[in-house]
PDB file of N, CA and C in Angstrom:
ATOM      1  N   MET A   1     143.947 151.217 -54.957  1.00  0.00           N
ATOM      2  CA  MET A   1     143.069 151.707 -55.984  1.00  0.00           C
ATOM      3  C   MET A   1     142.836 150.699 -57.094  1.00  0.00           C
ATOM      4  N   GLY A   2     143.737 149.801 -57.321  1.00  0.00           N
ATOM      5  CA  GLY A   2     143.593 148.816 -58.374  1.00  0.00           C
ATOM      6  C   GLY A   2     142.424 147.883 -58.126  1.00  0.00           C
ATOM      7  N   THR A   3     142.203 147.523 -56.867  1.00  0.00           N
ATOM      8  CA  THR A   3     141.094 146.633 -56.521  1.00  0.00           C
ATOM      9  C   THR A   3     139.754 147.315 -56.779  1.00  0.00           C
ATOM     10  N   GLU A   4     139.672 148.607 -56.465  1.00  0.00           N
ATOM     11  CA  GLU A   4     138.428 149.341 -56.691  1.00  0.00           C
ATOM     12  C   GLU A   4     138.091 149.408 -58.175  1.00  0.00           C
ATOM     13  N   ASN A   5     139.091 149.677 -59.002  1.00  0.00           N
ATOM     14  CA  ASN A   5     138.859 149.734 -60.443  1.00  0.00           C
ATOM     15  C   ASN A   5     138.434 148.376 -60.992  1.00  0.00           C
ATOM     16  N   LEU A   6     139.033 147.316 -60.487  1.00  0.00           N
ATOM     17  CA  LEU A   6     138.662 145.967 -60.918  1.00  0.00           C
ATOM     18  C   LEU A   6     137.222 145.650 -60.520  1.00  0.00           C
ATOM     19  N   LEU A   7     136.850 146.036 -59.302  1.00  0.00           N
ATOM     20  CA  LEU A   7     135.490 145.791 -58.820  1.00  0.00           C
ATOM     21  C   LEU A   7     134.470 146.586 -59.636  1.00  0.00           C
ATOM     22  N   VAL A   8     134.769 147.842 -59.904  1.00  0.00           N
ATOM     23  CA  VAL A   8     133.854 148.671 -60.694  1.00  0.00           C
ATOM     24  C   VAL A   8     133.748 148.140 -62.119  1.00  0.00           C
ATOM     25  N   GLY A   9     134.860 147.749 -62.711  1.00  0.00           N
ATOM     26  CA  GLY A   9     134.840 147.209 -64.073  1.00  0.00           C
ATOM     27  C   GLY A   9     134.063 145.913 -64.164  1.00  0.00           C
ATOM     28  N   THR A  10     134.254 145.038 -63.193  1.00  0.00           N
ATOM     29  CA  THR A  10     133.529 143.768 -63.176  1.00  0.00           C
ATOM     30  C   THR A  10     132.036 143.985 -62.984  1.00  0.00           C
ATOM     31  N   THR A  11     131.689 144.876 -62.076  1.00  0.00           N
ATOM     32  CA  THR A  11     130.278 145.185 -61.836  1.00  0.00           C
ATOM     33  C   THR A  11     129.636 145.800 -63.073  1.00  0.00           C
ATOM     34  N   ALA A  12     130.360 146.680 -63.733  1.00  0.00           N
ATOM     35  CA  ALA A  12     129.833 147.299 -64.953  1.00  0.00           C
ATOM     36  C   ALA A  12     129.647 146.255 -66.048  1.00  0.00           C
ATOM     37  N   MET A  13     130.563 145.333 -66.169  1.00  0.00           N
ATOM     38  CA  MET A  13     130.443 144.287 -67.186  1.00  0.00           C
ATOM     39  C   MET A  13     129.244 143.384 -66.909  1.00  0.00           C
ATOM     40  N   ILE A  14     129.047 143.015 -65.664  1.00  0.00           N
ATOM     41  CA  ILE A  14     127.881 142.204 -65.300  1.00  0.00           C
ATOM     42  C   ILE A  14     126.596 142.972 -65.582  1.00  0.00           C
ATOM     43  N   SER A  15     126.594 144.255 -65.275  1.00  0.00           N
ATOM     44  CA  SER A  15     125.420 145.088 -65.547  1.00  0.00           C
ATOM     45  C   SER A  15     125.132 145.159 -67.033  1.00  0.00           C
ATOM     46  N   LEU A  16     126.171 145.281 -67.843  1.00  0.00           N
ATOM     47  CA  LEU A  16     125.974 145.348 -69.288  1.00  0.00           C
ATOM     48  C   LEU A  16     125.370 144.057 -69.830  1.00  0.00           C
ATOM     49  N   VAL A  17     125.828 142.940 -69.314  1.00  0.00           N
ATOM     50  CA  VAL A  17     125.285 141.643 -69.765  1.00  0.00           C
ATOM     51  C   VAL A  17     123.822 141.508 -69.363  1.00  0.00           C
ATOM     52  N   LEU A  18     123.503 141.856 -68.122  1.00  0.00           N
ATOM     53  CA  LEU A  18     122.116 141.748 -67.657  1.00  0.00           C
ATOM     54  C   LEU A  18     121.204 142.729 -68.382  1.00  0.00           C
ATOM     55  N   LEU A  19     121.688 143.931 -68.650  1.00  0.00           N
ATOM     56  CA  LEU A  19     120.883 144.898 -69.385  1.00  0.00           C
ATOM     57  C   LEU A  19     120.645 144.448 -70.819  1.00  0.00           C
ATOM     58  N   THR A  20     121.650 143.825 -71.426  1.00  0.00           N
ATOM     59  CA  THR A  20     121.468 143.287 -72.779  1.00  0.00           C
ATOM     60  C   THR A  20     120.391 142.209 -72.786  1.00  0.00           C
ATOM     61  N   LEU A  21     120.419 141.335 -71.811  1.00  0.00           N
ATOM     62  CA  LEU A  21     119.397 140.293 -71.702  1.00  0.00           C
ATOM     63  C   LEU A  21     118.013 140.911 -71.507  1.00  0.00           C
ATOM     64  N   ALA A  22     117.927 141.924 -70.656  1.00  0.00           N
ATOM     65  CA  ALA A  22     116.641 142.578 -70.411  1.00  0.00           C
ATOM     66  C   ALA A  22     116.119 143.271 -71.669  1.00  0.00           C
ATOM     67  N   ILE A  23     117.009 143.881 -72.444  1.00  0.00           N
ATOM     68  CA  ILE A  23     116.599 144.526 -73.690  1.00  0.00           C
ATOM     69  C   ILE A  23     116.071 143.487 -74.673  1.00  0.00           C
ATOM     70  N   LEU A  24     116.737 142.352 -74.757  1.00  0.00           N
ATOM     71  CA  LEU A  24     116.261 141.291 -75.652  1.00  0.00           C
ATOM     72  C   LEU A  24     114.890 140.770 -75.241  1.00  0.00           C
ATOM     73  N   LEU A  25     114.676 140.591 -73.950  1.00  0.00           N
ATOM     74  CA  LEU A  25     113.374 140.119 -73.473  1.00  0.00           C
ATOM     75  C   LEU A  25     112.278 141.152 -73.723  1.00  0.00           C
ATOM     76  N   ALA A  26     112.611 142.423 -73.530  1.00  0.00           N
ATOM     77  CA  ALA A  26     111.630 143.475 -73.809  1.00  0.00           C
ATOM     78  C   ALA A  26     111.326 143.553 -75.301  1.00  0.00           C
ATOM     79  N   PHE A  27     112.331 143.281 -76.136  1.00  0.00           N
ATOM     80  CA  PHE A  27     112.107 143.278 -77.575  1.00  0.00           C
ATOM     81  C   PHE A  27     111.166 142.144 -77.976  1.00  0.00           C
ATOM     82  N   VAL A  28     111.289 141.016 -77.316  1.00  0.00           N
ATOM     83  CA  VAL A  28     110.368 139.906 -77.569  1.00  0.00           C
ATOM     84  C   VAL A  28     108.943 140.332 -77.221  1.00  0.00           C
ATOM     85  N   ARG A  29     108.773 141.037 -76.108  1.00  0.00           N
ATOM     86  CA  ARG A  29     107.445 141.518 -75.728  1.00  0.00           C
ATOM     87  C   ARG A  29     106.942 142.548 -76.730  1.00  0.00           C
ATOM     88  N   LEU A  30     107.857 143.358 -77.254  1.00  0.00           N
ATOM     89  CA  LEU A  30     107.477 144.353 -78.259  1.00  0.00           C
ATOM     90  C   LEU A  30     106.939 143.675 -79.512  1.00  0.00           C
ATOM     91  N   VAL A  31     107.584 142.619 -79.932  1.00  0.00           N
ATOM     92  CA  VAL A  31     107.168 141.924 -81.148  1.00  0.00           C
ATOM     93  C   VAL A  31     105.912 141.083 -80.908  1.00  0.00           C
ATOM     94  N   MET A  32     105.832 140.403 -79.782  1.00  0.00           N
ATOM     95  CA  MET A  32     104.741 139.470 -79.529  1.00  0.00           C
ATOM     96  C   MET A  32     103.577 140.075 -78.755  1.00  0.00           C
ATOM     97  N   GLY A  33     103.699 141.340 -78.355  1.00  0.00           N
ATOM     98  CA  GLY A  33     102.667 141.946 -77.524  1.00  0.00           C
ATOM     99  C   GLY A  33     101.278 141.814 -78.123  1.00  0.00           C
ATOM    100  N   PRO A  34     100.319 141.324 -77.358  1.00  0.00           N
ATOM    101  CA  PRO A  34      98.992 141.114 -77.927  1.00  0.00           C
ATOM    102  C   PRO A  34      98.221 142.414 -78.136  1.00  0.00           C
ATOM    103  N   ASP A  35      98.597 143.453 -77.429  1.00  0.00           N
ATOM    104  CA  ASP A  35      97.847 144.696 -77.442  1.00  0.00           C
ATOM    105  C   ASP A  35      98.790 145.843 -77.804  1.00  0.00           C
ATOM    106  N   PRO A  36      98.330 146.844 -78.538  1.00  0.00           N
ATOM    107  CA  PRO A  36      99.212 147.990 -78.829  1.00  0.00           C
ATOM    108  C   PRO A  36      99.715 148.705 -77.580  1.00  0.00           C
ATOM    109  N   ALA A  37      98.920 148.708 -76.522  1.00  0.00           N
ATOM    110  CA  ALA A  37      99.373 149.331 -75.273  1.00  0.00           C
ATOM    111  C   ALA A  37     100.569 148.570 -74.696  1.00  0.00           C
ATOM    112  N   ASP A  38     100.548 147.243 -74.806  1.00  0.00           N
ATOM    113  CA  ASP A  38     101.685 146.441 -74.351  1.00  0.00           C
ATOM    114  C   ASP A  38     102.937 146.769 -75.153  1.00  0.00           C
ATOM    115  N   ARG A  39     102.756 146.995 -76.426  1.00  0.00           N
ATOM    116  CA  ARG A  39     103.902 147.329 -77.269  1.00  0.00           C
ATOM    117  C   ARG A  39     104.473 148.692 -76.922  1.00  0.00           C
ATOM    118  N   ILE A  40     103.610 149.652 -76.589  1.00  0.00           N
ATOM    119  CA  ILE A  40     104.088 150.972 -76.197  1.00  0.00           C
ATOM    120  C   ILE A  40     104.869 150.885 -74.890  1.00  0.00           C
ATOM    121  N   VAL A  41     104.366 150.102 -73.950  1.00  0.00           N
ATOM    122  CA  VAL A  41     105.073 149.934 -72.678  1.00  0.00           C
ATOM    123  C   VAL A  41     106.409 149.229 -72.890  1.00  0.00           C
ATOM    124  N   ALA A  42     106.442 148.235 -73.760  1.00  0.00           N
ATOM    125  CA  ALA A  42     107.693 147.535 -74.057  1.00  0.00           C
ATOM    126  C   ALA A  42     108.695 148.472 -74.718  1.00  0.00           C
ATOM    127  N   LEU A  43     108.231 149.323 -75.599  1.00  0.00           N
ATOM    128  CA  LEU A  43     109.115 150.291 -76.239  1.00  0.00           C
ATOM    129  C   LEU A  43     109.669 151.288 -75.225  1.00  0.00           C
ATOM    130  N   ASP A  44     108.829 151.706 -74.289  1.00  0.00           N
ATOM    131  CA  ASP A  44     109.294 152.599 -73.231  1.00  0.00           C
ATOM    132  C   ASP A  44     110.308 151.892 -72.336  1.00  0.00           C
ATOM    133  N   LEU A  45     110.068 150.633 -72.040  1.00  0.00           N
ATOM    134  CA  LEU A  45     111.013 149.858 -71.234  1.00  0.00           C
ATOM    135  C   LEU A  45     112.352 149.732 -71.942  1.00  0.00           C
ATOM    136  N   ILE A  46     112.324 149.482 -73.238  1.00  0.00           N
ATOM    137  CA  ILE A  46     113.572 149.400 -73.995  1.00  0.00           C
ATOM    138  C   ILE A  46     114.317 150.724 -73.939  1.00  0.00           C
ATOM    139  N   SER A  47     113.590 151.822 -74.007  1.00  0.00           N
ATOM    140  CA  SER A  47     114.227 153.143 -73.922  1.00  0.00           C
ATOM    141  C   SER A  47     114.923 153.344 -72.578  1.00  0.00           C
ATOM    142  N   VAL A  48     114.242 152.975 -71.516  1.00  0.00           N
ATOM    143  CA  VAL A  48     114.836 153.115 -70.181  1.00  0.00           C
ATOM    144  C   VAL A  48     116.055 152.203 -70.035  1.00  0.00           C
ATOM    145  N   LEU A  49     115.939 151.002 -70.542  1.00  0.00           N
ATOM    146  CA  LEU A  49     117.065 150.072 -70.465  1.00  0.00           C
ATOM    147  C   LEU A  49     118.251 150.555 -71.305  1.00  0.00           C
ATOM    148  N   MET A  50     117.974 151.188 -72.434  1.00  0.00           N
ATOM    149  CA  MET A  50     119.064 151.722 -73.256  1.00  0.00           C
ATOM    150  C   MET A  50     119.786 152.867 -72.548  1.00  0.00           C
ATOM    151  N   VAL A  51     119.044 153.701 -71.860  1.00  0.00           N
ATOM    152  CA  VAL A  51     119.676 154.773 -71.083  1.00  0.00           C
ATOM    153  C   VAL A  51     120.549 154.172 -69.988  1.00  0.00           C
ATOM    154  N   SER A  52     120.047 153.148 -69.316  1.00  0.00           N
ATOM    155  CA  SER A  52     120.833 152.464 -68.292  1.00  0.00           C
ATOM    156  C   SER A  52     122.065 151.801 -68.888  1.00  0.00           C
ATOM    157  N   TYR A  53     121.892 151.212 -70.055  1.00  0.00           N
ATOM    158  CA  TYR A  53     123.012 150.568 -70.741  1.00  0.00           C
ATOM    159  C   TYR A  53     124.094 151.587 -71.079  1.00  0.00           C
ATOM    160  N   LEU A  54     123.690 152.738 -71.581  1.00  0.00           N
ATOM    161  CA  LEU A  54     124.665 153.774 -71.914  1.00  0.00           C
ATOM    162  C   LEU A  54     125.384 154.290 -70.671  1.00  0.00           C
ATOM    163  N   ALA A  55     124.671 154.388 -69.560  1.00  0.00           N
ATOM    164  CA  ALA A  55     125.311 154.822 -68.314  1.00  0.00           C
ATOM    165  C   ALA A  55     126.320 153.777 -67.831  1.00  0.00           C
ATOM    166  N   ALA A  56     125.942 152.514 -67.895  1.00  0.00           N
ATOM    167  CA  ALA A  56     126.867 151.453 -67.486  1.00  0.00           C
ATOM    168  C   ALA A  56     128.060 151.376 -68.434  1.00  0.00           C
ATOM    169  N   LEU A  57     127.821 151.587 -69.711  1.00  0.00           N
ATOM    170  CA  LEU A  57     128.910 151.599 -70.684  1.00  0.00           C
ATOM    171  C   LEU A  57     129.871 152.760 -70.427  1.00  0.00           C
ATOM    172  N   SER A  58     129.318 153.866 -69.990  1.00  0.00           N
ATOM    173  CA  SER A  58     130.149 155.012 -69.641  1.00  0.00           C
ATOM    174  C   SER A  58     131.056 154.691 -68.458  1.00  0.00           C
ATOM    175  N   VAL A  59     130.533 153.996 -67.487  1.00  0.00           N
ATOM    176  CA  VAL A  59     131.348 153.602 -66.332  1.00  0.00           C
ATOM    177  C   VAL A  59     132.408 152.587 -66.754  1.00  0.00           C
ATOM    178  N   TYR A  60     132.001 151.630 -67.583  1.00  0.00           N
ATOM    179  CA  TYR A  60     132.919 150.560 -67.986  1.00  0.00           C
ATOM    180  C   TYR A  60     134.082 151.097 -68.828  1.00  0.00           C
ATOM    181  N   THR A  61     133.780 151.973 -69.771  1.00  0.00           N
ATOM    182  CA  THR A  61     134.825 152.492 -70.653  1.00  0.00           C
ATOM    183  C   THR A  61     135.494 153.752 -70.119  1.00  0.00           C
ATOM    184  N   GLU A  62     134.961 154.288 -69.025  1.00  0.00           N
ATOM    185  CA  GLU A  62     135.456 155.541 -68.427  1.00  0.00           C
ATOM    186  C   GLU A  62     135.410 156.689 -69.437  1.00  0.00           C
ATOM    187  N   GLU A  63     134.370 156.685 -70.250  1.00  0.00           N
ATOM    188  CA  GLU A  63     134.166 157.712 -71.269  1.00  0.00           C
ATOM    189  C   GLU A  63     132.904 158.492 -70.914  1.00  0.00           C
ATOM    190  N   ARG A  64     133.035 159.798 -70.667  1.00  0.00           N
ATOM    191  CA  ARG A  64     131.914 160.597 -70.205  1.00  0.00           C
ATOM    192  C   ARG A  64     130.922 160.944 -71.319  1.00  0.00           C
ATOM    193  N   THR A  65     131.316 160.830 -72.551  1.00  0.00           N
ATOM    194  CA  THR A  65     130.422 161.236 -73.632  1.00  0.00           C
ATOM    195  C   THR A  65     129.194 160.330 -73.735  1.00  0.00           C
ATOM    196  N   PHE A  66     129.308 159.105 -73.262  1.00  0.00           N
ATOM    197  CA  PHE A  66     128.147 158.215 -73.280  1.00  0.00           C
ATOM    198  C   PHE A  66     127.038 158.743 -72.371  1.00  0.00           C
ATOM    199  N   LEU A  67     127.400 159.449 -71.313  1.00  0.00           N
ATOM    200  CA  LEU A  67     126.384 160.031 -70.437  1.00  0.00           C
ATOM    201  C   LEU A  67     125.618 161.136 -71.147  1.00  0.00           C
ATOM    202  N   ASP A  68     126.312 161.925 -71.958  1.00  0.00           N
ATOM    203  CA  ASP A  68     125.631 162.959 -72.738  1.00  0.00           C
ATOM    204  C   ASP A  68     124.652 162.338 -73.722  1.00  0.00           C
ATOM    205  N   VAL A  69     125.076 161.267 -74.356  1.00  0.00           N
ATOM    206  CA  VAL A  69     124.201 160.566 -75.293  1.00  0.00           C
ATOM    207  C   VAL A  69     123.005 159.978 -74.547  1.00  0.00           C
ATOM    208  N   ALA A  70     123.235 159.450 -73.355  1.00  0.00           N
ATOM    209  CA  ALA A  70     122.149 158.861 -72.562  1.00  0.00           C
ATOM    210  C   ALA A  70     121.110 159.920 -72.186  1.00  0.00           C
ATOM    211  N   ILE A  71     121.565 161.102 -71.814  1.00  0.00           N
ATOM    212  CA  ILE A  71     120.630 162.169 -71.448  1.00  0.00           C
ATOM    213  C   ILE A  71     119.808 162.597 -72.661  1.00  0.00           C
ATOM    214  N   ALA A  72     120.466 162.784 -73.785  1.00  0.00           N
ATOM    215  CA  ALA A  72     119.748 163.179 -74.998  1.00  0.00           C
ATOM    216  C   ALA A  72     118.764 162.090 -75.423  1.00  0.00           C
ATOM    217  N   TYR A  73     119.176 160.841 -75.355  1.00  0.00           N
ATOM    218  CA  TYR A  73     118.297 159.732 -75.728  1.00  0.00           C
ATOM    219  C   TYR A  73     117.094 159.649 -74.793  1.00  0.00           C
ATOM    220  N   ALA A  74     117.303 159.891 -73.501  1.00  0.00           N
ATOM    221  CA  ALA A  74     116.202 159.843 -72.543  1.00  0.00           C
ATOM    222  C   ALA A  74     115.162 160.913 -72.860  1.00  0.00           C
ATOM    223  N   LEU A  75     115.608 162.099 -73.217  1.00  0.00           N
ATOM    224  CA  LEU A  75     114.664 163.162 -73.549  1.00  0.00           C
ATOM    225  C   LEU A  75     113.862 162.832 -74.807  1.00  0.00           C
ATOM    226  N   ILE A  76     114.537 162.342 -75.822  1.00  0.00           N
ATOM    227  CA  ILE A  76     113.854 161.998 -77.064  1.00  0.00           C
ATOM    228  C   ILE A  76     112.914 160.813 -76.855  1.00  0.00           C
ATOM    229  N   ALA A  77     113.349 159.823 -76.095  1.00  0.00           N
ATOM    230  CA  ALA A  77     112.512 158.639 -75.848  1.00  0.00           C
ATOM    231  C   ALA A  77     111.254 159.008 -75.067  1.00  0.00           C
ATOM    232  N   PHE A  78     111.387 159.913 -74.111  1.00  0.00           N
ATOM    233  CA  PHE A  78     110.220 160.344 -73.348  1.00  0.00           C
ATOM    234  C   PHE A  78     109.204 161.022 -74.262  1.00  0.00           C
ATOM    235  N   LEU A  79     109.669 161.888 -75.120  1.00  0.00           N
ATOM    236  CA  LEU A  79     108.758 162.573 -76.037  1.00  0.00           C
ATOM    237  C   LEU A  79     108.107 161.584 -77.005  1.00  0.00           C
ATOM    238  N   GLY A  80     108.864 160.598 -77.450  1.00  0.00           N
ATOM    239  CA  GLY A  80     108.311 159.586 -78.333  1.00  0.00           C
ATOM    240  C   GLY A  80     107.240 158.747 -77.655  1.00  0.00           C
ATOM    241  N   THR A  81     107.459 158.396 -76.409  1.00  0.00           N
ATOM    242  CA  THR A  81     106.476 157.607 -75.669  1.00  0.00           C
ATOM    243  C   THR A  81     105.196 158.399 -75.455  1.00  0.00           C
ATOM    244  N   VAL A  82     105.337 159.665 -75.107  1.00  0.00           N
ATOM    245  CA  VAL A  82     104.148 160.511 -74.927  1.00  0.00           C
ATOM    246  C   VAL A  82     103.394 160.652 -76.243  1.00  0.00           C
ATOM    247  N   ALA A  83     104.113 160.836 -77.340  1.00  0.00           N
ATOM    248  CA  ALA A  83     103.461 160.973 -78.640  1.00  0.00           C
ATOM    249  C   ALA A  83     102.722 159.684 -79.021  1.00  0.00           C
ATOM    250  N   LEU A  84     103.332 158.537 -78.802  1.00  0.00           N
ATOM    251  CA  LEU A  84     102.662 157.265 -79.106  1.00  0.00           C
ATOM    252  C   LEU A  84     101.427 157.050 -78.240  1.00  0.00           C
ATOM    253  N   ALA A  85     101.517 157.397 -76.976  1.00  0.00           N
ATOM    254  CA  ALA A  85     100.374 157.235 -76.082  1.00  0.00           C
ATOM    255  C   ALA A  85      99.222 158.149 -76.492  1.00  0.00           C
ATOM    256  N   ARG A  86      99.535 159.383 -76.855  1.00  0.00           N
ATOM    257  CA  ARG A  86      98.483 160.303 -77.301  1.00  0.00           C
ATOM    258  C   ARG A  86      97.860 159.831 -78.603  1.00  0.00           C
ATOM    259  N   PHE A  87      98.683 159.331 -79.515  1.00  0.00           N
ATOM    260  CA  PHE A  87      98.162 158.801 -80.774  1.00  0.00           C
ATOM    261  C   PHE A  87      97.224 157.639 -80.512  1.00  0.00           C
ATOM    262  N   ARG A  88      97.622 156.739 -79.631  1.00  0.00           N
ATOM    263  CA  ARG A  88      96.794 155.577 -79.300  1.00  0.00           C
ATOM    264  C   ARG A  88      95.486 156.017 -78.653  1.00  0.00           C
ATOM    265  N   GLU A  89      95.542 157.025 -77.801  1.00  0.00           N
ATOM    266  CA  GLU A  89      94.340 157.517 -77.147  1.00  0.00           C
ATOM    267  C   GLU A  89      93.377 158.141 -78.168  1.00  0.00           C
ATOM    268  N   ARG A  90      93.907 158.921 -79.085  1.00  0.00           N
ATOM    269  CA  ARG A  90      93.056 159.523 -80.117  1.00  0.00           C
ATOM    270  C   ARG A  90      92.447 158.453 -81.020  1.00  0.00           C
ATOM    271  N   LEU A  91      93.228 157.454 -81.346  1.00  0.00           N
ATOM    272  CA  LEU A  91      92.721 156.369 -82.180  1.00  0.00           C
ATOM    273  C   LEU A  91      91.591 155.628 -81.469  1.00  0.00           C
ATOM    274  N   ALA A  92      91.742 155.386 -80.184  1.00  0.00           N
ATOM    275  CA  ALA A  92      90.701 154.699 -79.407  1.00  0.00           C
ATOM    276  C   ALA A  92      89.437 155.545 -79.333  1.00  0.00           C
ATOM    277  N   ARG A  93      89.596 156.847 -79.156  1.00  0.00           N
ATOM    278  CA  ARG A  93      88.419 157.725 -79.126  1.00  0.00           C
ATOM    279  C   ARG A  93      87.692 157.722 -80.461  1.00  0.00           C
ATOM    280  N   ARG A  94      88.457 157.765 -81.528  1.00  0.00           N
ATOM    281  CA  ARG A  94      87.857 157.770 -82.854  1.00  0.00           C
ATOM    282  C   ARG A  94      87.091 156.468 -83.103  1.00  0.00           C
ATOM    283  N   GLN A  95      87.636 155.350 -82.663  1.00  0.00           N
ATOM    284  CA  GLN A  95      86.961 154.067 -82.835  1.00  0.00           C
ATOM    285  C   GLN A  95      85.699 153.999 -81.987  1.00  0.00           C
ATOM    286  N   ASP A  96      85.749 154.575 -80.772  1.00  0.00           N
ATOM    287  CA  ASP A  96      84.555 154.603 -79.932  1.00  0.00           C
ATOM    288  C   ASP A  96      83.454 155.456 -80.559  1.00  0.00           C
ATOM    289  N   ASP A  97      83.838 156.585 -81.156  1.00  0.00           N
ATOM    290  CA  ASP A  97      82.849 157.449 -81.802  1.00  0.00           C
ATOM    291  C   ASP A  97      82.225 156.769 -83.006  1.00  0.00           C
ATOM    292  N   GLU A  98      83.001 156.002 -83.740  1.00  0.00           N
ATOM    293  CA  GLU A  98      82.472 155.293 -84.909  1.00  0.00           C
ATOM    294  C   GLU A  98      81.537 154.158 -84.504  1.00  0.00           C
ATOM    295  N   ASN A  99      81.778 153.545 -83.350  1.00  0.00           N
ATOM    296  CA  ASN A  99      80.941 152.437 -82.899  1.00  0.00           C
ATOM    297  C   ASN A  99      79.620 152.893 -82.305  1.00  0.00           C
ATOM    298  N   LYS A 100      79.483 154.146 -81.998  1.00  0.00           N
ATOM    299  CA  LYS A 100      78.236 154.647 -81.388  1.00  0.00           C
ATOM    300  C   LYS A 100      77.164 154.880 -82.392  1.00  0.00           C
TER     301      LYS A 100
END
């Protein structure tokens, strides 16, 4: 059993490092995104990566409460992404109506 725990811990640590790198790269896209739609997608990607990070952290620390936080964060992030997308859509419609 010791080998299995070592393998799981090592895999979780590698996952945490890669997820951290992915979050940083997505944050760069969030800041530098040329279009507001790109920024919304980058923000959604960061949300998904954070949920994955919390799940991997839960495995690494063997603490189940991180999974509860990940589920709650996923629900809130989904609602936030939908709200931002609807706001962007309404803004685009309003701009189209003004240009006519």
